[in-house]
Structures are given as C-alpha cells and as structure tokens.
Amino acid sequence: MSLLDAPQGLYGYEIMQMAGIRPGTLYPMLARLEDQGILVSHWQESGVQGRPPRHIYCLSAAGCILAKSLSDENHPTFAAQLKPKAQ
C-alpha cells in the first residue's frame, strides 16, 4: 500500500513502517511536504479512550499528480524506491 492507494490517508506510523524511515527523519519530511502542498493532513480522534488523536496524511491533488508522474514507466528506478519494503 502507498499514499496513492490510500485515498483516506495513512497514519505517520504506517508510513514509517512502509518506508523504513525513522520518526526523527519522517515527521520533518512530512511537514515539509505539507508546506509544499504535496500532502495534506488532519487530526483523527481515537476510538480508544485515553489514546490521543493521530495525524492522517493524504496526497493533495498536486501530490497525486507528482506521485503518478514519478511512478510511471519514465522513471522506473525512482518508482522502485517508492514501493514499500518487503517485511
């Protein structure tokens, strides 16, 4: 699964697990991508009492266009890097 495949978005932790990026690197990167208009985020309340709300990240319209252009056949090397790591 990727952000392209998740129109409802993904939690930062899910993105971290798929990409294999540490939180100290991932969250500043997500913030920059949001500042650039590639991602949008919102808070989602937890259904579990005592658990704090979590950020959900989604591709913006511009982010979808960018991701699709990078994952097409014109960029096979970069597209391979966007795929989740096998576990």
C-alpha atoms as a PDB file:
ATOM      1  CA  MET A   1       0.000   0.000   0.000  1.00  0.00           C
ATOM      2  CA  SER A   2       1.101   3.567  -0.651  1.00  0.00           C
ATOM      3  CA  LEU A   3      -0.407   7.005  -0.241  1.00  0.00           C
ATOM      4  CA  LEU A   4      -1.645   6.671  -3.834  1.00  0.00           C
ATOM      5  CA  ASP A   5      -3.535   3.520  -2.837  1.00  0.00           C
ATOM      6  CA  ALA A   6      -4.939   5.050   0.355  1.00  0.00           C
ATOM      7  CA  PRO A   7      -7.306   7.899  -0.531  1.00  0.00           C
ATOM      8  CA  GLN A   8      -8.436   8.013   3.114  1.00  0.00           C
ATOM      9  CA  GLY A   9      -4.794   8.563   4.096  1.00  0.00           C
ATOM     10  CA  LEU A  10      -2.279   6.857   6.327  1.00  0.00           C
ATOM     11  CA  TYR A  11      -1.029   7.493   9.837  1.00  0.00           C
ATOM     12  CA  GLY A  12       2.557   8.638  10.203  1.00  0.00           C
ATOM     13  CA  TYR A  13       3.392   5.348  11.923  1.00  0.00           C
ATOM     14  CA  GLU A  14       2.078   3.382   8.913  1.00  0.00           C
ATOM     15  CA  ILE A  15       4.187   5.487   6.553  1.00  0.00           C
ATOM     16  CA  MET A  16       7.218   4.992   8.798  1.00  0.00           C
ATOM     17  CA  GLN A  17       6.727   1.203   8.769  1.00  0.00           C
ATOM     18  CA  MET A  18       6.293   1.034   4.985  1.00  0.00           C
ATOM     19  CA  ALA A  19       9.186   3.343   4.144  1.00  0.00           C
ATOM     20  CA  GLY A  20      11.586   2.147   6.830  1.00  0.00           C
ATOM     21  CA  ILE A  21      12.342   5.737   7.861  1.00  0.00           C
ATOM     22  CA  ARG A  22      12.976   6.735  11.478  1.00  0.00           C
ATOM     23  CA  PRO A  23      10.480   9.145  13.104  1.00  0.00           C
ATOM     24  CA  GLY A  24      13.102  11.872  13.524  1.00  0.00           C
ATOM     25  CA  THR A  25      13.527  11.913   9.756  1.00  0.00           C
ATOM     26  CA  LEU A  26       9.964  11.128   8.686  1.00  0.00           C
ATOM     27  CA  TYR A  27       7.947  13.726  10.565  1.00  0.00           C
ATOM     28  CA  PRO A  28      10.043  16.736   9.485  1.00  0.00           C
ATOM     29  CA  MET A  29       9.844  15.376   5.923  1.00  0.00           C
ATOM     30  CA  LEU A  30       6.046  15.063   6.146  1.00  0.00           C
ATOM     31  CA  ALA A  31       5.845  18.635   7.468  1.00  0.00           C
ATOM     32  CA  ARG A  32       7.940  19.930   4.543  1.00  0.00           C
ATOM     33  CA  LEU A  33       5.827  18.037   2.014  1.00  0.00           C
ATOM     34  CA  GLU A  34       2.718  19.541   3.574  1.00  0.00           C
ATOM     35  CA  ASP A  35       4.265  23.034   3.431  1.00  0.00           C
ATOM     36  CA  GLN A  36       4.976  22.443  -0.280  1.00  0.00           C
ATOM     37  CA  GLY A  37       1.367  21.434  -0.941  1.00  0.00           C
ATOM     38  CA  ILE A  38       2.148  17.797  -1.751  1.00  0.00           C
ATOM     39  CA  LEU A  39       0.462  16.399   1.368  1.00  0.00           C
ATOM     40  CA  VAL A  40      -2.498  17.414   3.464  1.00  0.00           C
ATOM     41  CA  SER A  41      -3.066  16.204   6.995  1.00  0.00           C
ATOM     42  CA  HIS A  42      -5.769  16.250   9.597  1.00  0.00           C
ATOM     43  CA  TRP A  43      -6.255  15.011  13.119  1.00  0.00           C
ATOM     44  CA  GLN A  44      -8.421  11.964  13.719  1.00  0.00           C
ATOM     45  CA  GLU A  45      -9.793  11.252  17.162  1.00  0.00           C
ATOM     46  CA  SER A  46      -9.021   7.815  18.505  1.00  0.00           C
ATOM     47  CA  GLY A  47     -11.857   5.425  19.142  1.00  0.00           C
ATOM     48  CA  VAL A  48      -9.996   4.172  22.206  1.00  0.00           C
ATOM     49  CA  GLN A  49     -10.431   6.087  25.435  1.00  0.00           C
ATOM     50  CA  GLY A  50      -7.184   7.599  26.651  1.00  0.00           C
ATOM     51  CA  ARG A  51      -5.433   7.334  23.286  1.00  0.00           C
ATOM     52  CA  PRO A  52      -4.551  10.715  21.775  1.00  0.00           C
ATOM     53  CA  PRO A  53      -5.727  11.796  18.324  1.00  0.00           C
ATOM     54  CA  ARG A  54      -3.464  10.896  15.410  1.00  0.00           C
ATOM     55  CA  HIS A  55      -2.412  12.716  12.271  1.00  0.00           C
ATOM     56  CA  ILE A  56      -3.586  11.252   8.998  1.00  0.00           C
ATOM     57  CA  TYR A  57      -1.612  12.173   5.872  1.00  0.00           C
ATOM     58  CA  CYS A  58      -3.066  12.200   2.349  1.00  0.00           C
ATOM     59  CA  LEU A  59      -1.698  13.258  -1.001  1.00  0.00           C
ATOM     60  CA  SER A  60      -3.082  16.566  -2.235  1.00  0.00           C
ATOM     61  CA  ALA A  61      -4.280  16.820  -5.846  1.00  0.00           C
ATOM     62  CA  ALA A  62      -0.837  18.151  -6.791  1.00  0.00           C
ATOM     63  CA  GLY A  63       0.791  15.364  -4.772  1.00  0.00           C
ATOM     64  CA  CYS A  64      -1.204  12.714  -6.654  1.00  0.00           C
ATOM     65  CA  ILE A  65      -0.118  14.160  -9.981  1.00  0.00           C
ATOM     66  CA  LEU A  66       3.519  14.250  -8.841  1.00  0.00           C
ATOM     67  CA  ALA A  67       3.449  10.709  -7.418  1.00  0.00           C
ATOM     68  CA  LYS A  68       1.834   9.295 -10.558  1.00  0.00           C
ATOM     69  CA  SER A  69       4.351  11.061 -12.786  1.00  0.00           C
ATOM     70  CA  LEU A  70       7.249   9.704 -10.727  1.00  0.00           C
ATOM     71  CA  SER A  71       5.886   6.168 -10.666  1.00  0.00           C
ATOM     72  CA  ASP A  72       5.231   5.845 -14.381  1.00  0.00           C
ATOM     73  CA  GLU A  73       7.456   3.984 -16.826  1.00  0.00           C
ATOM     74  CA  ASN A  74       9.536   7.103 -17.488  1.00  0.00           C
ATOM     75  CA  HIS A  75      11.075   6.853 -14.010  1.00  0.00           C
ATOM     76  CA  PRO A  76      11.462   3.101 -13.305  1.00  0.00           C
ATOM     77  CA  THR A  77      14.357   3.488 -10.855  1.00  0.00           C
ATOM     78  CA  PHE A  78      12.624   6.107  -8.749  1.00  0.00           C
ATOM     79  CA  ALA A  79       9.329   4.176  -8.898  1.00  0.00           C
ATOM     80  CA  ALA A  80      11.088   1.127  -7.437  1.00  0.00           C
ATOM     81  CA  GLN A  81      12.251   3.263  -4.495  1.00  0.00           C
ATOM     82  CA  LEU A  82       8.659   4.381  -3.780  1.00  0.00           C
ATOM     83  CA  LYS A  83       7.411   0.836  -3.283  1.00  0.00           C
ATOM     84  CA  PRO A  84       7.132  -0.380   0.323  1.00  0.00           C
ATOM     85  CA  LYS A  85       9.962  -2.509   1.645  1.00  0.00           C
ATOM     86  CA  ALA A  86       9.259  -6.224   1.953  1.00  0.00           C
ATOM     87  CA  GLN A  87       8.916  -7.394   5.509  1.00  0.00           C
END
